[in-house]
Amino acid sequence: MSPTPEPLPTLPASVRLFPLGDAAVVLEFGTSISPKTHCAIQAVRGYLTQQPFAGLRELVPAFTTLTLYYDPWQLSDNGRYPPYERVAALLRQLLPAALATAVSTEATLVEIPVCYGGAFGPDLAVVATHTGLSSEEVVARHSAPEYLVHLIGFAPGFPYLGGIDARLATPRRTQPRPLVPAGAVGIAGAQTGIYSLPTPGGWQLIGRTPLRLFNPEWPQPSRLQAGQHLRFVPISEAEFQQLQRHES
């Protein structure tokens, strides 16, 4: 009598796994943005970066998911096995150990100076009108929280931040700008972020930082990294000009 095969390990209740095309798999860690979800994503990402399985090509983190791109031919063992099923089985085995590495650590706090309003924040009045707050209240609420850098994306060095005051939520512009300057700080819905490079964009611009967020010549090209905490610090136009000269 042949032995009864052992059942596959089950995924943690908070994690969902599904294919993305024929060469990627998505791990979904939740349905809402939170520090706990971020911590789990970074734990699994770090674990697989240090201990990748054969055929793993790339890891792409997002707010609630981690997408793994793989070589389907290599995972199929030259066509002998369905690649997605092999990847799914591997992840079921690896995830408990990977999630066990998730620990809350004291994050690095980065201060980003911002000159709000005027030519630096042409949409500050729009946000104030939409929210029913004064421009001064918008600035105070925007610069009060300690934001979590969930991921870098859209453009090199562009940080997606969690922790914005819910009162500041404002829809994107109906007509995107053809060019938004690097350093522009904006709001789009319930998100805030910083344009790292000159690009088109439809976020409501409320200020600008003189700091460079991305430079391919730096040892670490992006000034900000996922997992860091960030605080916006209001500055004057004179301080902006002084810091900008220093950055040049």
Protein backbone atom coordinates (compact mmCIF):
# COMPACT_ATOMS: atom_id res chain seq x y z
CA MET A 1 0.00 0.00 0.00
CA SER A 2 1.43 3.37 -0.97
CA PRO A 3 1.80 5.91 1.84
CA THR A 4 -0.80 8.65 2.18
CA PRO A 5 0.66 11.94 0.89
CA GLU A 6 1.12 14.64 3.48
CA PRO A 7 -1.32 17.57 3.11
CA LEU A 8 0.10 20.83 1.80
CA PRO A 9 0.72 23.49 4.45
CA THR A 10 -2.07 26.04 4.55
CA LEU A 11 -1.53 29.75 4.10
CA PRO A 12 -1.95 32.06 7.11
CA ALA A 13 -5.55 33.24 7.29
CA SER A 14 -4.56 36.83 6.47
CA VAL A 15 -2.72 35.90 3.23
CA ARG A 16 -4.28 35.18 -0.17
CA LEU A 17 -2.37 33.78 -3.14
CA PHE A 18 -3.33 33.98 -6.81
CA PRO A 19 -1.64 33.90 -10.26
CA LEU A 20 -0.82 36.96 -12.35
CA GLY A 21 -0.42 35.82 -15.94
CA ASP A 22 1.77 32.78 -16.50
CA ALA A 23 4.97 34.01 -14.86
CA ALA A 24 3.97 35.75 -11.64
CA VAL A 25 2.11 35.13 -8.41
CA VAL A 26 0.55 37.69 -6.07
CA LEU A 27 0.55 37.41 -2.29
CA GLU A 28 -2.17 39.59 -0.82
CA PHE A 29 -1.67 40.36 2.87
CA GLY A 30 -4.87 42.32 3.47
CA THR A 31 -7.35 44.69 1.90
CA SER A 32 -6.42 47.93 3.68
CA ILE A 33 -3.26 49.95 4.09
CA SER A 34 -1.75 49.52 7.56
CA PRO A 35 1.65 49.34 9.30
CA LYS A 36 0.95 45.68 10.17
CA THR A 37 0.39 44.77 6.52
CA HIS A 38 3.48 46.72 5.50
CA CYS A 39 5.56 44.90 8.12
CA ALA A 40 4.40 41.49 6.84
CA ILE A 41 5.18 42.40 3.21
CA GLN A 42 8.66 43.62 4.09
CA ALA A 43 9.33 40.51 6.19
CA VAL A 44 8.48 38.15 3.32
CA ARG A 45 10.33 40.32 0.83
CA GLY A 46 13.45 40.32 3.01
CA TYR A 47 13.25 36.58 3.62
CA LEU A 48 12.95 35.74 -0.08
CA THR A 49 15.68 38.21 -0.99
CA GLN A 50 18.04 36.42 1.40
CA GLN A 51 16.77 32.91 0.60
CA PRO A 52 15.33 32.94 -2.95
CA PHE A 53 13.97 29.75 -4.47
CA ALA A 54 15.27 28.57 -7.85
CA GLY A 55 13.58 30.47 -10.66
CA LEU A 56 12.62 33.56 -8.64
CA ARG A 57 13.30 36.64 -10.77
CA GLU A 58 11.90 39.73 -9.05
CA LEU A 59 9.93 40.88 -5.99
CA VAL A 60 7.60 43.88 -6.33
CA PRO A 61 6.00 45.18 -3.11
CA ALA A 62 2.88 47.34 -3.05
CA PHE A 63 0.52 48.67 -0.33
CA THR A 64 -1.14 45.31 0.39
CA THR A 65 0.56 42.85 -1.96
CA LEU A 66 3.89 41.34 -2.89
CA THR A 67 4.19 40.14 -6.50
CA LEU A 68 6.75 37.47 -7.32
CA TYR A 69 7.95 37.10 -10.91
CA TYR A 70 9.47 33.74 -11.77
CA ASP A 71 10.85 31.67 -14.66
CA PRO A 72 7.99 29.29 -15.50
CA TRP A 73 10.20 26.91 -17.51
CA GLN A 74 12.68 26.53 -14.66
CA LEU A 75 9.88 26.05 -12.13
CA SER A 76 8.24 23.43 -14.36
CA ASP A 77 11.43 21.33 -14.27
CA ASN A 78 11.64 21.40 -18.06
CA GLY A 79 7.93 20.93 -18.56
CA ARG A 80 7.31 18.15 -16.04
CA TYR A 81 5.18 20.14 -13.56
CA PRO A 82 2.72 23.07 -13.70
CA PRO A 83 4.92 26.06 -12.67
CA TYR A 84 2.25 27.99 -10.77
CA GLU A 85 1.36 24.97 -8.64
CA ARG A 86 5.03 24.47 -7.75
CA VAL A 87 5.43 28.14 -6.80
CA ALA A 88 2.24 28.03 -4.72
CA ALA A 89 3.46 24.91 -2.90
CA LEU A 90 6.85 26.53 -2.24
CA LEU A 91 5.24 29.66 -0.83
CA ARG A 92 2.95 27.65 1.44
CA GLN A 93 6.06 26.04 2.89
CA LEU A 94 8.12 29.24 3.16
CA LEU A 95 5.55 31.78 4.36
CA PRO A 96 5.24 30.70 8.03
CA ALA A 97 9.00 31.04 8.51
CA ALA A 98 9.13 34.28 6.53
CA LEU A 99 6.27 35.88 8.48
CA ALA A 100 7.90 34.82 11.73
CA THR A 101 10.74 37.24 10.92
CA ALA A 102 8.34 40.21 10.97
CA VAL A 103 9.29 42.37 13.92
CA SER A 104 8.45 45.93 14.82
CA THR A 105 11.66 47.93 14.76
CA GLU A 106 12.29 51.60 15.38
CA ALA A 107 12.07 53.13 11.93
CA THR A 108 14.36 55.86 10.64
CA LEU A 109 12.70 59.28 10.73
CA VAL A 110 13.46 61.54 7.78
CA GLU A 111 12.49 65.21 7.85
CA ILE A 112 11.46 66.75 4.52
CA PRO A 113 11.41 70.58 4.45
CA VAL A 114 8.47 71.96 2.43
CA CYS A 115 7.57 75.47 1.35
CA TYR A 116 3.77 75.45 1.25
CA GLY A 117 1.48 77.55 -0.93
CA GLY A 118 2.19 80.32 -3.42
CA ALA A 119 4.11 79.31 -6.53
CA PHE A 120 5.35 76.23 -4.67
CA GLY A 121 1.84 74.97 -3.85
CA PRO A 122 -0.59 76.34 -6.44
CA ASP A 123 -3.40 73.98 -5.36
CA LEU A 124 -3.28 74.73 -1.63
CA ALA A 125 -6.37 76.93 -1.92
CA VAL A 126 -8.18 74.17 -3.84
CA VAL A 127 -7.53 71.69 -1.02
CA ALA A 128 -8.61 74.27 1.57
CA THR A 129 -11.87 74.97 -0.27
CA HIS A 130 -12.64 71.28 -0.78
CA THR A 131 -11.97 70.35 2.84
CA GLY A 132 -13.55 73.42 4.40
CA LEU A 133 -10.29 74.23 6.18
CA SER A 134 -8.16 77.33 5.99
CA SER A 135 -4.86 77.12 4.12
CA GLU A 136 -3.06 77.39 7.44
CA GLU A 137 -5.05 74.45 8.82
CA VAL A 138 -4.23 72.36 5.74
CA VAL A 139 -0.52 73.01 6.24
CA ALA A 140 -0.74 72.26 9.97
CA ARG A 141 -2.61 69.00 9.42
CA HIS A 142 -0.33 67.92 6.56
CA SER A 143 2.87 68.56 8.50
CA ALA A 144 1.67 67.08 11.81
CA PRO A 145 1.71 63.28 11.19
CA GLU A 146 4.63 60.91 11.03
CA TYR A 147 4.14 59.17 7.69
CA LEU A 148 5.19 55.63 6.82
CA VAL A 149 6.94 55.10 3.48
CA HIS A 150 5.06 52.06 2.18
CA LEU A 151 6.82 51.77 -1.15
CA ILE A 152 8.77 53.57 -3.85
CA GLY A 153 7.10 53.58 -7.25
CA PHE A 154 5.41 55.40 -10.16
CA ALA A 155 8.76 57.10 -10.85
CA PRO A 156 12.22 56.36 -9.40
CA GLY A 157 12.33 57.71 -5.84
CA PHE A 158 8.60 58.59 -5.62
CA PRO A 159 7.36 57.66 -2.11
CA TYR A 160 3.84 56.40 -1.41
CA LEU A 161 3.02 57.44 2.14
CA GLY A 162 0.54 56.23 4.72
CA GLY A 163 -0.82 58.29 7.60
CA ILE A 164 -2.37 61.39 6.04
CA ASP A 165 -5.07 63.17 8.04
CA ALA A 166 -8.40 61.98 6.63
CA ARG A 167 -9.72 65.57 6.58
CA LEU A 168 -7.22 66.41 3.83
CA ALA A 169 -8.52 63.90 1.27
CA THR A 170 -9.07 65.76 -2.02
CA PRO A 171 -9.73 64.34 -5.52
CA ARG A 172 -7.09 64.59 -8.21
CA ARG A 173 -7.21 67.45 -10.70
CA THR A 174 -9.68 66.94 -13.54
CA GLN A 175 -6.96 68.08 -15.94
CA PRO A 176 -3.46 66.71 -15.15
CA ARG A 177 -0.50 69.01 -15.59
CA PRO A 178 1.83 68.12 -18.49
CA LEU A 179 4.83 68.72 -16.22
CA VAL A 180 5.10 68.74 -12.43
CA PRO A 181 8.47 69.86 -11.03
CA ALA A 182 10.65 67.54 -8.96
CA GLY A 183 10.06 68.06 -5.25
CA ALA A 184 6.38 68.97 -5.61
CA VAL A 185 4.30 67.70 -2.68
CA GLY A 186 0.78 66.71 -3.56
CA ILE A 187 -2.49 65.15 -2.42
CA ALA A 188 -4.58 62.72 -4.46
CA GLY A 189 -7.62 61.27 -2.74
CA ALA A 190 -6.50 59.93 0.63
CA GLN A 191 -2.82 59.84 -0.35
CA THR A 192 0.07 62.25 -0.25
CA GLY A 193 3.43 61.98 -1.95
CA ILE A 194 6.42 63.79 -3.40
CA TYR A 195 7.27 64.00 -7.09
CA SER A 196 10.85 62.77 -7.33
CA LEU A 197 11.40 63.75 -10.97
CA PRO A 198 9.77 66.21 -13.41
CA THR A 199 6.80 64.22 -14.77
CA PRO A 200 3.19 64.76 -15.84
CA GLY A 201 0.79 64.49 -12.89
CA GLY A 202 -2.68 65.18 -11.61
CA TRP A 203 -2.13 65.45 -7.85
CA GLN A 204 -3.17 68.63 -6.04
CA LEU A 205 0.12 70.46 -5.39
CA ILE A 206 0.27 72.10 -1.96
CA GLY A 207 4.02 72.68 -1.57
CA ARG A 208 7.50 71.80 -2.72
CA THR A 209 10.69 70.53 -1.12
CA PRO A 210 14.13 71.73 -2.24
CA LEU A 211 15.61 68.29 -1.50
CA ARG A 212 16.45 65.89 -4.31
CA LEU A 213 14.75 62.53 -3.84
CA PHE A 214 16.50 60.67 -6.64
CA ASN A 215 19.96 60.76 -8.13
CA PRO A 216 21.28 57.78 -10.16
CA GLU A 217 24.83 58.78 -9.20
CA TRP A 218 24.23 58.30 -5.46
CA PRO A 219 25.33 54.94 -3.96
CA GLN A 220 21.66 54.56 -2.94
CA PRO A 221 19.82 56.42 -5.75
CA SER A 222 16.60 56.98 -3.78
CA ARG A 223 16.77 59.28 -0.75
CA LEU A 224 13.75 57.52 0.79
CA GLN A 225 13.27 53.79 1.37
CA ALA A 226 10.26 51.64 2.20
CA GLY A 227 9.91 51.27 5.96
CA GLN A 228 11.22 54.72 6.85
CA HIS A 229 9.09 57.29 8.65
CA LEU A 230 8.80 60.80 7.25
CA ARG A 231 7.72 64.16 8.62
CA PHE A 232 7.12 67.31 6.59
CA VAL A 233 8.63 70.49 8.07
CA PRO A 234 7.21 73.84 6.86
CA ILE A 235 9.87 76.33 5.72
CA SER A 236 9.88 79.82 4.24
CA GLU A 237 10.67 80.74 0.64
CA ALA A 238 14.05 82.12 1.75
CA GLU A 239 14.87 78.83 3.48
CA PHE A 240 13.77 76.97 0.36
CA GLN A 241 16.16 78.96 -1.82
CA GLN A 242 19.03 78.44 0.61
CA LEU A 243 18.49 74.69 0.81
CA GLN A 244 18.07 74.42 -2.95
CA ARG A 245 21.46 76.08 -3.52
CA HIS A 246 22.98 73.57 -1.11
CA GLU A 247 21.39 70.67 -3.02
CA SER A 248 22.65 71.88 -6.43
